[in-house]
N, C-alpha and C. Protein backbone atom coordinates (compact mmCIF):
# COMPACT_ATOMS: atom_id res chain seq x y z
N MET A 1 67.26 88.08 153.32
CA MET A 1 66.99 88.81 155.06
C MET A 1 66.01 87.15 155.35
N LYS A 2 66.46 87.16 157.14
CA LYS A 2 65.70 86.01 157.28
C LYS A 2 63.89 86.38 157.79
N GLU A 3 63.74 84.99 158.05
CA GLU A 3 62.47 84.95 158.09
C GLU A 3 61.88 85.92 159.46
N GLN A 4 62.30 86.48 160.38
CA GLN A 4 62.35 87.08 161.52
C GLN A 4 62.16 88.72 160.93
N GLU A 5 63.22 88.98 160.28
CA GLU A 5 63.47 90.11 159.54
C GLU A 5 62.67 91.26 159.41
N ILE A 6 61.88 89.38 158.01
CA ILE A 6 60.62 90.44 156.82
C ILE A 6 60.04 90.25 157.80
N MET A 7 59.38 89.53 158.43
CA MET A 7 57.96 89.72 159.58
C MET A 7 58.02 90.82 160.02
N ALA A 8 59.39 91.29 160.73
CA ALA A 8 59.35 92.27 161.61
C ALA A 8 58.75 94.30 160.44
N LEU A 9 59.44 94.08 159.23
CA LEU A 9 59.57 94.90 158.27
C LEU A 9 57.48 94.91 157.71
N ALA A 10 57.63 93.55 157.55
CA ALA A 10 55.94 93.84 157.75
C ALA A 10 55.73 94.55 158.12
N ASP A 11 55.44 93.94 159.44
CA ASP A 11 54.65 94.56 160.52
C ASP A 11 55.14 96.09 160.33
N LYS A 12 56.40 96.40 160.78
CA LYS A 12 56.66 98.15 160.50
C LYS A 12 55.73 98.71 159.34
N ASN A 13 55.45 98.07 157.92
CA ASN A 13 55.08 98.92 157.07
C ASN A 13 53.73 98.37 156.46
N ILE A 14 52.82 97.04 156.83
CA ILE A 14 51.38 97.34 156.65
C ILE A 14 50.76 97.18 157.76
N MET A 15 49.74 97.61 157.08
CA MET A 15 48.51 98.72 158.57
C MET A 15 48.21 96.64 159.59
N GLN A 16 47.91 97.18 160.84
CA GLN A 16 47.42 96.09 161.49
C GLN A 16 46.12 95.77 161.60
N THR A 17 45.51 95.55 160.54
CA THR A 17 44.26 95.30 160.44
C THR A 17 43.65 94.29 160.75
N TYR A 18 44.31 92.77 160.80
CA TYR A 18 44.57 91.51 160.93
C TYR A 18 45.21 90.80 161.40
N LYS A 19 45.09 89.83 161.85
CA LYS A 19 46.26 88.98 162.46
C LYS A 19 47.10 88.46 161.77
N ARG A 20 48.45 88.45 161.57
CA ARG A 20 48.84 87.39 160.28
C ARG A 20 49.53 86.44 160.87
N PHE A 21 49.65 85.21 159.59
CA PHE A 21 50.38 84.21 160.16
C PHE A 21 51.92 83.85 160.61
N PRO A 22 52.66 83.97 161.43
CA PRO A 22 53.81 83.51 161.55
C PRO A 22 54.62 82.92 160.56
N ILE A 23 54.68 83.10 158.99
CA ILE A 23 55.26 82.36 157.83
C ILE A 23 55.71 83.91 156.94
N VAL A 24 56.83 83.15 156.55
CA VAL A 24 56.85 84.06 155.20
C VAL A 24 57.00 83.55 154.00
N ILE A 25 56.14 83.43 152.87
CA ILE A 25 55.29 82.72 151.84
C ILE A 25 56.42 83.38 150.80
N THR A 26 57.11 82.53 150.03
CA THR A 26 57.37 82.44 148.96
C THR A 26 57.29 82.54 147.71
N LYS A 27 56.40 81.50 147.57
CA LYS A 27 56.49 80.68 146.11
C LYS A 27 54.38 80.64 145.96
N GLY A 28 53.85 80.55 145.22
CA GLY A 28 52.74 80.15 145.02
C GLY A 28 52.27 79.29 143.71
N LEU A 29 51.74 78.19 143.93
CA LEU A 29 51.26 77.81 142.87
C LEU A 29 50.65 76.74 143.16
N GLY A 30 49.11 76.72 142.30
CA GLY A 30 47.60 76.59 142.24
C GLY A 30 47.37 76.65 143.85
N GLN A 31 47.38 75.05 144.31
CA GLN A 31 46.30 75.71 146.16
C GLN A 31 47.35 75.75 146.71
N LYS A 32 48.78 75.45 146.47
CA LYS A 32 50.38 74.95 147.38
C LYS A 32 50.88 76.38 147.77
N VAL A 33 51.18 76.37 148.75
CA VAL A 33 52.46 77.61 148.91
C VAL A 33 53.57 77.40 149.80
N TRP A 34 55.36 77.63 149.60
CA TRP A 34 55.95 77.33 150.32
C TRP A 34 56.66 79.03 150.78
N ASP A 35 57.41 78.50 151.97
CA ASP A 35 57.30 79.00 153.02
C ASP A 35 59.44 79.87 152.90
N ILE A 36 59.82 80.70 153.12
CA ILE A 36 60.98 80.83 152.75
C ILE A 36 62.17 79.77 153.41
N ASN A 37 61.70 78.28 154.21
CA ASN A 37 62.87 77.65 154.55
C ASN A 37 62.54 76.86 153.49
N GLY A 38 61.45 76.87 152.94
CA GLY A 38 61.03 75.40 151.46
C GLY A 38 60.20 74.10 152.16
N ARG A 39 59.17 74.53 153.17
CA ARG A 39 57.95 74.28 153.86
C ARG A 39 56.78 74.15 152.69
N GLU A 40 56.21 73.25 152.51
CA GLU A 40 55.15 73.16 151.51
C GLU A 40 53.79 73.34 152.29
N TYR A 41 52.91 74.06 152.27
CA TYR A 41 51.49 74.44 153.02
C TYR A 41 50.22 74.24 151.41
N ILE A 42 49.07 73.93 151.52
CA ILE A 42 48.06 73.65 151.45
C ILE A 42 47.61 75.61 151.93
N ASP A 43 47.08 76.29 150.74
CA ASP A 43 46.17 77.69 151.58
C ASP A 43 44.94 77.66 151.26
N PHE A 44 44.91 77.33 152.50
CA PHE A 44 43.38 77.04 152.93
C PHE A 44 43.11 78.67 153.21
N VAL A 45 43.40 79.94 153.12
CA VAL A 45 43.32 80.93 153.16
C VAL A 45 42.68 81.73 152.16
N SER A 46 41.09 82.90 152.52
CA SER A 46 40.32 82.68 151.13
C SER A 46 41.57 84.60 151.05
N GLY A 47 41.65 84.46 150.22
CA GLY A 47 42.40 86.28 149.86
C GLY A 47 42.02 86.95 148.51
N ILE A 48 42.36 88.36 148.19
CA ILE A 48 41.21 88.84 147.30
C ILE A 48 41.87 87.90 145.61
N ALA A 49 41.21 87.68 145.26
CA ALA A 49 41.41 86.83 143.74
C ALA A 49 41.49 85.14 143.98
N VAL A 50 42.30 84.89 144.87
CA VAL A 50 43.54 83.60 145.17
C VAL A 50 42.41 82.50 145.42
N CYS A 51 41.39 82.98 146.40
CA CYS A 51 40.66 82.08 146.66
C CYS A 51 39.59 81.14 145.42
N ASN A 52 39.74 82.44 144.38
CA ASN A 52 38.93 81.41 143.28
C ASN A 52 40.25 81.24 141.83
N LEU A 53 40.93 82.19 141.36
CA LEU A 53 41.68 81.61 141.12
C LEU A 53 43.13 80.89 141.07
N ARG A 54 43.39 80.75 142.42
CA ARG A 54 44.69 80.30 142.94
C ARG A 54 45.93 80.91 142.70
N HIS A 55 46.93 80.20 143.10
CA HIS A 55 47.96 81.04 143.09
C HIS A 55 48.96 80.46 141.83
N SER A 56 49.36 81.57 140.66
CA SER A 56 49.86 81.44 139.81
C SER A 56 49.27 80.85 138.65
N HIS A 57 48.27 80.99 138.38
CA HIS A 57 47.08 81.00 137.39
C HIS A 57 47.60 80.76 136.07
N PRO A 58 47.78 80.14 135.23
CA PRO A 58 48.60 80.44 133.69
C PRO A 58 47.49 80.81 132.96
N GLY A 59 46.58 80.68 133.09
CA GLY A 59 45.88 82.10 132.59
C GLY A 59 45.94 83.71 132.51
N VAL A 60 46.05 84.22 134.01
CA VAL A 60 46.48 85.47 134.17
C VAL A 60 47.11 85.83 134.01
N ILE A 61 48.39 84.47 134.56
CA ILE A 61 49.85 85.03 133.72
C ILE A 61 50.50 85.49 132.61
N ALA A 62 49.79 84.23 131.39
CA ALA A 62 49.12 84.51 130.21
C ALA A 62 49.14 86.26 129.55
N ALA A 63 47.76 86.14 130.00
CA ALA A 63 46.87 87.50 130.38
C ALA A 63 47.93 88.61 130.88
N LEU A 64 48.91 89.22 131.81
CA LEU A 64 49.41 90.22 132.15
C LEU A 64 50.66 89.65 131.67
N LYS A 65 51.64 89.15 130.58
CA LYS A 65 52.45 89.32 129.75
C LYS A 65 51.84 89.77 128.50
N SER A 66 50.65 89.35 128.84
CA SER A 66 50.80 89.61 126.83
C SER A 66 49.75 91.25 127.24
N SER A 67 49.98 91.98 128.21
CA SER A 67 49.38 93.51 128.52
C SER A 67 50.45 94.28 129.08
N TRP A 68 49.94 95.84 129.40
CA TRP A 68 51.03 96.52 129.50
C TRP A 68 51.72 96.33 130.95
N ILE A 69 51.06 95.40 131.98
CA ILE A 69 50.94 95.37 133.76
C ILE A 69 51.98 94.68 133.50
N ILE A 70 52.90 93.39 132.61
CA ILE A 70 53.83 93.08 133.51
C ILE A 70 54.87 93.83 132.47
């Protein structure tokens, strides 16, 4: 899927409770995220748990892998 198609799909299926940034994030590690075009960003946007734990925290991943969740 192309970036515009993904954003249109998100607009169709996600409640419009706040304005979203016009990028498609495909990967996150620590405080960095990457978009569908490979551009790297520093994530200054707070979110649920991300602001405290960052993206792909190894401790959280290990806990999920050892549980029934994954």
